[in-house]
Amino acid sequence: MARQDTNDFLAAFGIGAVLGIGAAVLLRPEKPNPRKQLQKRLKPHARKLGKSASRTRTAARVAAREAGPTTDEVIHAGRELLAEFRAEVTRILDEAREELRELAQEQARPAGAPPRGAADLDD
């Protein structure tokens, strides 16, 4: 009978341990959400930041109105520079393509053939 009591005690202890672990896992608090933690820490400063941002936006609008004509001039100058840059890049690419075509034609020519333009020199 002592053996049966020991087995019952061990079974009850095992079941209790499993239930205790299950309860601990279920009742454990969720992992903290970093976004919510950050919001919670910044909440006291939100009013101050909101007012500052509002003042900054207002100041930016006023500055933009005052600098209107200058801004248009800068935009126009930037567009002109961009157009010139694109034209220059196009010219450079066209020259490079032409040089590559010439090199490809020279390599495609048979080994004994005279170079292009050499026939004109003999005359």
N, C-alpha and C. Protein backbone atom coordinates (compact mmCIF):
# COMPACT_ATOMS: atom_id res chain seq x y z
N MET A 1 0.81 -1.19 0.00
CA MET A 1 0.00 0.00 0.00
C MET A 1 0.86 1.26 0.00
N ALA A 2 2.04 1.19 0.58
CA ALA A 2 2.93 2.33 0.61
C ALA A 2 3.38 2.69 -0.80
N ARG A 3 3.57 1.62 -1.60
CA ARG A 3 3.98 1.86 -2.98
C ARG A 3 2.88 2.60 -3.72
N GLN A 4 1.62 2.22 -3.52
CA GLN A 4 0.48 2.89 -4.17
C GLN A 4 0.39 4.34 -3.72
N ASP A 5 0.60 4.61 -2.45
CA ASP A 5 0.56 5.98 -1.95
C ASP A 5 1.67 6.84 -2.57
N THR A 6 2.83 6.23 -2.75
CA THR A 6 3.94 6.96 -3.37
C THR A 6 3.60 7.30 -4.81
N ASN A 7 3.05 6.33 -5.54
CA ASN A 7 2.66 6.57 -6.94
C ASN A 7 1.59 7.66 -7.03
N ASP A 8 0.61 7.62 -6.15
CA ASP A 8 -0.44 8.65 -6.15
C ASP A 8 0.15 10.03 -5.85
N PHE A 9 1.08 10.06 -4.88
CA PHE A 9 1.70 11.33 -4.52
C PHE A 9 2.49 11.90 -5.70
N LEU A 10 3.28 11.05 -6.37
CA LEU A 10 4.07 11.50 -7.51
C LEU A 10 3.17 11.95 -8.67
N ALA A 11 2.07 11.22 -8.91
CA ALA A 11 1.14 11.61 -9.97
C ALA A 11 0.51 12.96 -9.64
N ALA A 12 0.07 13.15 -8.39
CA ALA A 12 -0.54 14.41 -7.99
C ALA A 12 0.49 15.54 -8.07
N PHE A 13 1.73 15.26 -7.67
CA PHE A 13 2.76 16.28 -7.74
C PHE A 13 3.04 16.67 -9.20
N GLY A 14 3.12 15.69 -10.11
CA GLY A 14 3.36 15.95 -11.54
C GLY A 14 2.23 16.76 -12.15
N ILE A 15 0.99 16.37 -11.83
CA ILE A 15 -0.17 17.10 -12.35
C ILE A 15 -0.17 18.53 -11.82
N GLY A 16 0.12 18.71 -10.56
CA GLY A 16 0.18 20.05 -9.97
C GLY A 16 1.27 20.91 -10.61
N ALA A 17 2.42 20.28 -10.87
CA ALA A 17 3.52 21.02 -11.49
C ALA A 17 3.13 21.48 -12.90
N VAL A 18 2.50 20.58 -13.67
CA VAL A 18 2.09 20.93 -15.03
C VAL A 18 1.04 22.04 -14.99
N LEU A 19 0.07 21.94 -14.08
CA LEU A 19 -0.95 22.99 -13.97
C LEU A 19 -0.33 24.32 -13.53
N GLY A 20 0.64 24.26 -12.64
CA GLY A 20 1.31 25.49 -12.19
C GLY A 20 2.08 26.15 -13.33
N ILE A 21 2.78 25.34 -14.11
CA ILE A 21 3.52 25.89 -15.25
C ILE A 21 2.55 26.48 -16.27
N GLY A 22 1.46 25.76 -16.55
CA GLY A 22 0.45 26.27 -17.49
C GLY A 22 -0.14 27.58 -17.02
N ALA A 23 -0.46 27.67 -15.74
CA ALA A 23 -1.02 28.91 -15.20
C ALA A 23 -0.01 30.04 -15.29
N ALA A 24 1.26 29.74 -15.02
CA ALA A 24 2.29 30.78 -15.10
C ALA A 24 2.45 31.29 -16.53
N VAL A 25 2.39 30.37 -17.50
CA VAL A 25 2.52 30.77 -18.90
C VAL A 25 1.31 31.59 -19.34
N LEU A 26 0.12 31.17 -18.93
CA LEU A 26 -1.09 31.88 -19.34
C LEU A 26 -1.21 33.25 -18.67
N LEU A 27 -0.76 33.37 -17.44
CA LEU A 27 -0.90 34.62 -16.72
C LEU A 27 0.28 35.57 -16.90
N ARG A 28 1.29 35.12 -17.63
CA ARG A 28 2.47 35.97 -17.87
C ARG A 28 2.05 37.17 -18.72
N PRO A 29 2.52 38.35 -18.38
CA PRO A 29 2.14 39.53 -19.17
C PRO A 29 2.74 39.43 -20.58
N GLU A 30 2.03 40.06 -21.52
CA GLU A 30 2.50 40.05 -22.91
C GLU A 30 3.81 40.82 -23.01
N LYS A 31 4.56 40.50 -24.05
CA LYS A 31 5.79 41.26 -24.28
C LYS A 31 5.42 42.70 -24.57
N PRO A 32 6.18 43.62 -24.04
CA PRO A 32 5.83 45.02 -24.27
C PRO A 32 6.00 45.40 -25.74
N ASN A 33 5.03 46.15 -26.22
CA ASN A 33 5.06 46.64 -27.59
C ASN A 33 5.95 47.88 -27.63
N PRO A 34 7.03 47.86 -28.39
CA PRO A 34 7.94 49.02 -28.40
C PRO A 34 7.26 50.32 -28.81
N ARG A 35 6.32 50.24 -29.74
CA ARG A 35 5.64 51.46 -30.18
C ARG A 35 4.79 52.05 -29.06
N LYS A 36 4.09 51.19 -28.34
CA LYS A 36 3.26 51.67 -27.24
C LYS A 36 4.12 52.22 -26.10
N GLN A 37 5.25 51.58 -25.86
CA GLN A 37 6.15 52.08 -24.82
C GLN A 37 6.66 53.46 -25.18
N LEU A 38 7.03 53.65 -26.44
CA LEU A 38 7.53 54.94 -26.88
C LEU A 38 6.44 56.00 -26.78
N GLN A 39 5.22 55.65 -27.17
CA GLN A 39 4.11 56.59 -27.05
C GLN A 39 3.90 56.99 -25.60
N LYS A 40 3.99 56.01 -24.72
CA LYS A 40 3.77 56.28 -23.30
C LYS A 40 4.85 57.21 -22.75
N ARG A 41 6.10 57.01 -23.20
CA ARG A 41 7.18 57.87 -22.72
C ARG A 41 7.11 59.28 -23.31
N LEU A 42 6.61 59.39 -24.53
CA LEU A 42 6.56 60.70 -25.19
C LEU A 42 5.28 61.48 -24.89
N LYS A 43 4.31 60.85 -24.28
CA LYS A 43 3.02 61.50 -24.04
C LYS A 43 3.16 62.83 -23.30
N PRO A 44 3.98 62.93 -22.25
CA PRO A 44 4.10 64.23 -21.56
C PRO A 44 4.66 65.33 -22.46
N HIS A 45 5.43 64.95 -23.45
CA HIS A 45 6.07 65.94 -24.31
C HIS A 45 5.24 66.25 -25.55
N ALA A 46 4.14 65.54 -25.75
CA ALA A 46 3.37 65.68 -26.98
C ALA A 46 2.82 67.09 -27.16
N ARG A 47 2.29 67.67 -26.10
CA ARG A 47 1.74 69.03 -26.21
C ARG A 47 2.82 70.03 -26.61
N LYS A 48 3.95 69.90 -25.95
CA LYS A 48 5.05 70.82 -26.22
C LYS A 48 5.52 70.67 -27.67
N LEU A 49 5.64 69.41 -28.13
CA LEU A 49 6.06 69.17 -29.50
C LEU A 49 5.02 69.67 -30.50
N GLY A 50 3.76 69.50 -30.19
CA GLY A 50 2.68 69.95 -31.08
C GLY A 50 2.70 71.45 -31.27
N LYS A 51 2.88 72.17 -30.17
CA LYS A 51 2.93 73.63 -30.26
C LYS A 51 4.14 74.08 -31.05
N SER A 52 5.27 73.46 -30.81
CA SER A 52 6.50 73.82 -31.51
C SER A 52 6.37 73.53 -33.00
N ALA A 53 5.79 72.40 -33.35
CA ALA A 53 5.61 72.04 -34.75
C ALA A 53 4.66 73.02 -35.43
N SER A 54 3.63 73.41 -34.73
CA SER A 54 2.68 74.36 -35.29
C SER A 54 3.36 75.69 -35.58
N ARG A 55 4.17 76.16 -34.63
CA ARG A 55 4.90 77.41 -34.85
C ARG A 55 5.88 77.30 -36.01
N THR A 56 6.52 76.17 -36.12
CA THR A 56 7.49 75.97 -37.19
C THR A 56 6.80 75.97 -38.55
N ARG A 57 5.66 75.28 -38.66
CA ARG A 57 4.92 75.27 -39.93
C ARG A 57 4.48 76.67 -40.32
N THR A 58 3.99 77.42 -39.34
CA THR A 58 3.56 78.80 -39.61
C THR A 58 4.74 79.63 -40.09
N ALA A 59 5.87 79.52 -39.44
CA ALA A 59 7.05 80.28 -39.85
C ALA A 59 7.51 79.87 -41.24
N ALA A 60 7.41 78.60 -41.57
CA ALA A 60 7.82 78.13 -42.89
C ALA A 60 6.89 78.69 -43.96
N ARG A 61 5.59 78.75 -43.68
CA ARG A 61 4.65 79.32 -44.66
C ARG A 61 4.95 80.79 -44.91
N VAL A 62 5.21 81.54 -43.84
CA VAL A 62 5.52 82.96 -43.97
C VAL A 62 6.81 83.14 -44.78
N ALA A 63 7.82 82.36 -44.48
CA ALA A 63 9.09 82.45 -45.20
C ALA A 63 8.91 82.09 -46.67
N ALA A 64 8.07 81.11 -46.95
CA ALA A 64 7.84 80.72 -48.34
C ALA A 64 7.14 81.84 -49.11
N ARG A 65 6.20 82.52 -48.46
CA ARG A 65 5.52 83.63 -49.12
C ARG A 65 6.49 84.78 -49.41
N GLU A 66 7.36 85.05 -48.46
CA GLU A 66 8.32 86.14 -48.63
C GLU A 66 9.36 85.82 -49.69
N ALA A 67 9.74 84.56 -49.82
CA ALA A 67 10.79 84.17 -50.75
C ALA A 67 10.22 83.70 -52.08
N GLY A 68 8.97 83.94 -52.36
CA GLY A 68 8.30 83.46 -53.57
C GLY A 68 9.06 83.69 -54.85
N PRO A 69 9.36 84.95 -55.23
CA PRO A 69 10.03 85.19 -56.50
C PRO A 69 11.41 84.53 -56.55
N THR A 70 12.14 84.53 -55.45
CA THR A 70 13.46 83.93 -55.45
C THR A 70 13.37 82.43 -55.66
N THR A 71 12.37 81.82 -55.08
CA THR A 71 12.18 80.39 -55.24
C THR A 71 11.93 80.05 -56.70
N ASP A 72 11.10 80.84 -57.38
CA ASP A 72 10.83 80.60 -58.79
C ASP A 72 12.09 80.72 -59.63
N GLU A 73 12.92 81.70 -59.30
CA GLU A 73 14.17 81.87 -60.04
C GLU A 73 15.09 80.68 -59.84
N VAL A 74 15.16 80.19 -58.62
CA VAL A 74 16.02 79.03 -58.33
C VAL A 74 15.51 77.80 -59.07
N ILE A 75 14.21 77.61 -59.08
CA ILE A 75 13.63 76.46 -59.78
C ILE A 75 13.95 76.56 -61.27
N HIS A 76 13.78 77.74 -61.85
CA HIS A 76 14.05 77.93 -63.28
C HIS A 76 15.52 77.66 -63.59
N ALA A 77 16.42 78.17 -62.77
CA ALA A 77 17.85 77.95 -62.97
C ALA A 77 18.19 76.46 -62.86
N GLY A 78 17.57 75.79 -61.90
CA GLY A 78 17.80 74.36 -61.73
C GLY A 78 17.35 73.57 -62.94
N ARG A 79 16.22 73.95 -63.50
CA ARG A 79 15.72 73.26 -64.70
C ARG A 79 16.64 73.48 -65.89
N GLU A 80 17.16 74.70 -66.02
CA GLU A 80 18.10 74.98 -67.11
C GLU A 80 19.36 74.14 -66.97
N LEU A 81 19.89 74.09 -65.75
CA LEU A 81 21.10 73.29 -65.52
C LEU A 81 20.84 71.81 -65.81
N LEU A 82 19.69 71.33 -65.43
CA LEU A 82 19.35 69.94 -65.67
C LEU A 82 19.25 69.66 -67.16
N ALA A 83 18.65 70.57 -67.92
CA ALA A 83 18.54 70.39 -69.37
C ALA A 83 19.93 70.38 -70.01
N GLU A 84 20.81 71.29 -69.59
CA GLU A 84 22.18 71.31 -70.12
C GLU A 84 22.92 70.02 -69.78
N PHE A 85 22.73 69.54 -68.56
CA PHE A 85 23.39 68.31 -68.13
C PHE A 85 22.91 67.13 -68.97
N ARG A 86 21.61 67.06 -69.20
CA ARG A 86 21.06 65.96 -70.01
C ARG A 86 21.61 66.01 -71.43
N ALA A 87 21.70 67.22 -72.00
CA ALA A 87 22.23 67.36 -73.36
C ALA A 87 23.69 66.90 -73.40
N GLU A 88 24.47 67.27 -72.40
CA GLU A 88 25.88 66.88 -72.36
C GLU A 88 26.03 65.37 -72.22
N VAL A 89 25.22 64.77 -71.37
CA VAL A 89 25.27 63.31 -71.19
C VAL A 89 24.88 62.62 -72.48
N THR A 90 23.86 63.12 -73.17
CA THR A 90 23.44 62.53 -74.44
C THR A 90 24.57 62.62 -75.46
N ARG A 91 25.24 63.77 -75.53
CA ARG A 91 26.35 63.94 -76.48
C ARG A 91 27.48 62.95 -76.17
N ILE A 92 27.82 62.81 -74.90
CA ILE A 92 28.90 61.89 -74.52
C ILE A 92 28.53 60.45 -74.85
N LEU A 93 27.29 60.07 -74.59
CA LEU A 93 26.84 58.71 -74.90
C LEU A 93 26.85 58.46 -76.40
N ASP A 94 26.43 59.43 -77.20
CA ASP A 94 26.45 59.27 -78.65
C ASP A 94 27.87 59.07 -79.16
N GLU A 95 28.82 59.86 -78.65
CA GLU A 95 30.22 59.71 -79.04
C GLU A 95 30.74 58.33 -78.66
N ALA A 96 30.41 57.87 -77.46
CA ALA A 96 30.88 56.56 -77.00
C ALA A 96 30.28 55.45 -77.85
N ARG A 97 29.01 55.57 -78.22
CA ARG A 97 28.38 54.55 -79.08
C ARG A 97 29.07 54.50 -80.44
N GLU A 98 29.36 55.67 -81.00
CA GLU A 98 30.01 55.74 -82.31
C GLU A 98 31.39 55.09 -82.24
N GLU A 99 32.16 55.38 -81.18
CA GLU A 99 33.47 54.76 -81.03
C GLU A 99 33.37 53.25 -80.90
N LEU A 100 32.37 52.78 -80.17
CA LEU A 100 32.18 51.33 -80.02
C LEU A 100 31.81 50.69 -81.34
N ARG A 101 31.00 51.36 -82.16
CA ARG A 101 30.64 50.82 -83.48
C ARG A 101 31.89 50.71 -84.36
N GLU A 102 32.71 51.74 -84.33
CA GLU A 102 33.94 51.72 -85.12
C GLU A 102 34.86 50.60 -84.67
N LEU A 103 35.01 50.40 -83.38
CA LEU A 103 35.86 49.32 -82.86
C LEU A 103 35.30 47.96 -83.27
N ALA A 104 33.99 47.81 -83.21
CA ALA A 104 33.36 46.53 -83.59
C ALA A 104 33.57 46.25 -85.07
N GLN A 105 33.49 47.29 -85.91
CA GLN A 105 33.71 47.11 -87.35
C GLN A 105 35.16 46.75 -87.63
N GLU A 106 36.10 47.36 -86.91
CA GLU A 106 37.51 47.05 -87.11
C GLU A 106 37.81 45.61 -86.71
N GLN A 107 37.21 45.14 -85.65
CA GLN A 107 37.45 43.77 -85.20
C GLN A 107 36.77 42.76 -86.12
N ALA A 108 35.69 43.15 -86.78
CA ALA A 108 34.97 42.24 -87.68
C ALA A 108 35.68 42.12 -89.03
N ARG A 109 36.54 43.07 -89.39
CA ARG A 109 37.26 43.06 -90.66
C ARG A 109 38.28 41.92 -90.68
N PRO A 110 38.52 41.28 -91.84
CA PRO A 110 39.54 40.22 -91.94
C PRO A 110 40.93 40.79 -91.62
N ALA A 111 41.83 39.93 -91.21
CA ALA A 111 43.15 40.36 -90.76
C ALA A 111 43.95 41.05 -91.86
N GLY A 112 43.88 40.61 -93.11
CA GLY A 112 44.68 41.18 -94.19
C GLY A 112 44.07 42.40 -94.83
N ALA A 113 42.84 42.76 -94.48
CA ALA A 113 42.16 43.88 -95.14
C ALA A 113 42.75 45.18 -94.64
N PRO A 114 42.87 46.16 -95.53
CA PRO A 114 43.40 47.46 -95.10
C PRO A 114 42.42 48.17 -94.19
N PRO A 115 42.91 48.99 -93.29
CA PRO A 115 42.00 49.73 -92.40
C PRO A 115 41.13 50.67 -93.18
N ARG A 116 40.00 51.00 -92.63
CA ARG A 116 39.06 51.88 -93.27
C ARG A 116 39.71 53.25 -93.46
N GLY A 117 39.57 53.77 -94.66
CA GLY A 117 40.15 55.07 -94.96
C GLY A 117 41.55 54.94 -95.54
N ALA A 118 42.18 53.77 -95.50
CA ALA A 118 43.52 53.59 -96.02
C ALA A 118 43.51 53.64 -97.54
N ALA A 119 42.45 53.22 -98.19
CA ALA A 119 42.35 53.25 -99.65
C ALA A 119 42.36 54.68 -100.13
N ASP A 120 41.81 55.59 -99.36
CA ASP A 120 41.78 57.00 -99.74
C ASP A 120 43.19 57.61 -99.68
N LEU A 121 44.05 57.09 -98.82
CA LEU A 121 45.39 57.63 -98.67
C LEU A 121 46.28 57.25 -99.85
N ASP A 122 46.04 56.08 -100.49
CA ASP A 122 46.87 55.61 -101.60
C ASP A 122 46.70 56.51 -102.82
N ASP A 123 45.61 57.12 -103.00
CA ASP A 123 45.36 57.94 -104.19
C ASP A 123 46.12 59.17 -104.23
